[in-house]
Amino acid sequence: MNNKKWRCKICGYIHEGDEPPEICPRCGASKMNFNKVEEKENN
């Protein structure tokens, strides 16, 4: 399973899932404040 990760621009909280959360559980920022985290695979 390949879960995506999202980082809150405000507080740095990392969320795992297909979509960012509606509201950051740490700081209360909206969904628009999340950026997708690009993961590099180690081969």
C-alpha atoms as a PDB file:
ATOM      1  CA  MET A   1       0.000   0.000   0.000  1.00  0.00           C
ATOM      2  CA  ASN A   2       1.399   3.381  -1.007  1.00  0.00           C
ATOM      3  CA  ASN A   3       0.046   6.090   1.307  1.00  0.00           C
ATOM      4  CA  LYS A   4       0.702   9.703   0.458  1.00  0.00           C
ATOM      5  CA  LYS A   5       2.056  12.107   3.058  1.00  0.00           C
ATOM      6  CA  TRP A   6       0.999  15.707   3.550  1.00  0.00           C
ATOM      7  CA  ARG A   7       2.871  18.392   5.544  1.00  0.00           C
ATOM      8  CA  CYS A   8       1.175  21.360   7.190  1.00  0.00           C
ATOM      9  CA  LYS A   9       2.890  24.593   6.068  1.00  0.00           C
ATOM     10  CA  ILE A  10       2.013  26.233   9.385  1.00  0.00           C
ATOM     11  CA  CYS A  11       3.260  23.768  12.017  1.00  0.00           C
ATOM     12  CA  GLY A  12       4.965  20.934  10.098  1.00  0.00           C
ATOM     13  CA  TYR A  13       2.457  18.225  11.091  1.00  0.00           C
ATOM     14  CA  ILE A  14       2.683  15.147   8.827  1.00  0.00           C
ATOM     15  CA  HIS A  15      -0.571  13.452   7.787  1.00  0.00           C
ATOM     16  CA  GLU A  16      -0.672  10.093   5.997  1.00  0.00           C
ATOM     17  CA  GLY A  17      -3.517   9.377   3.574  1.00  0.00           C
ATOM     18  CA  ASP A  18      -4.801   9.892   0.048  1.00  0.00           C
ATOM     19  CA  GLU A  19      -5.977  13.423   0.863  1.00  0.00           C
ATOM     20  CA  PRO A  20      -4.881  16.024   3.409  1.00  0.00           C
ATOM     21  CA  PRO A  21      -7.131  16.426   6.464  1.00  0.00           C
ATOM     22  CA  GLU A  22      -9.848  19.104   6.379  1.00  0.00           C
ATOM     23  CA  ILE A  23      -8.281  20.727   9.459  1.00  0.00           C
ATOM     24  CA  CYS A  24      -4.805  20.188  10.910  1.00  0.00           C
ATOM     25  CA  PRO A  25      -5.204  18.359  14.246  1.00  0.00           C
ATOM     26  CA  ARG A  26      -2.153  20.134  15.672  1.00  0.00           C
ATOM     27  CA  CYS A  27      -2.685  23.813  14.766  1.00  0.00           C
ATOM     28  CA  GLY A  28      -6.163  24.008  13.197  1.00  0.00           C
ATOM     29  CA  ALA A  29      -4.959  25.171   9.769  1.00  0.00           C
ATOM     30  CA  SER A  30      -7.225  24.484   6.794  1.00  0.00           C
ATOM     31  CA  LYS A  31      -6.735  21.782   4.142  1.00  0.00           C
ATOM     32  CA  MET A  32      -5.264  24.411   1.783  1.00  0.00           C
ATOM     33  CA  ASN A  33      -2.217  24.743   4.066  1.00  0.00           C
ATOM     34  CA  PHE A  34      -1.012  21.194   3.344  1.00  0.00           C
ATOM     35  CA  ASN A  35       1.612  20.315   0.734  1.00  0.00           C
ATOM     36  CA  LYS A  36       2.230  16.833  -0.628  1.00  0.00           C
ATOM     37  CA  VAL A  37       5.512  15.335   0.598  1.00  0.00           C
ATOM     38  CA  GLU A  38       7.505  13.805  -2.244  1.00  0.00           C
ATOM     39  CA  GLU A  39       9.114  10.559  -1.143  1.00  0.00           C
ATOM     40  CA  LYS A  40      12.210   9.173  -2.790  1.00  0.00           C
ATOM     41  CA  GLU A  41      12.506   5.418  -3.173  1.00  0.00           C
ATOM     42  CA  ASN A  42      15.761   3.712  -2.240  1.00  0.00           C
ATOM     43  CA  ASN A  43      16.663   1.130  -4.883  1.00  0.00           C
END
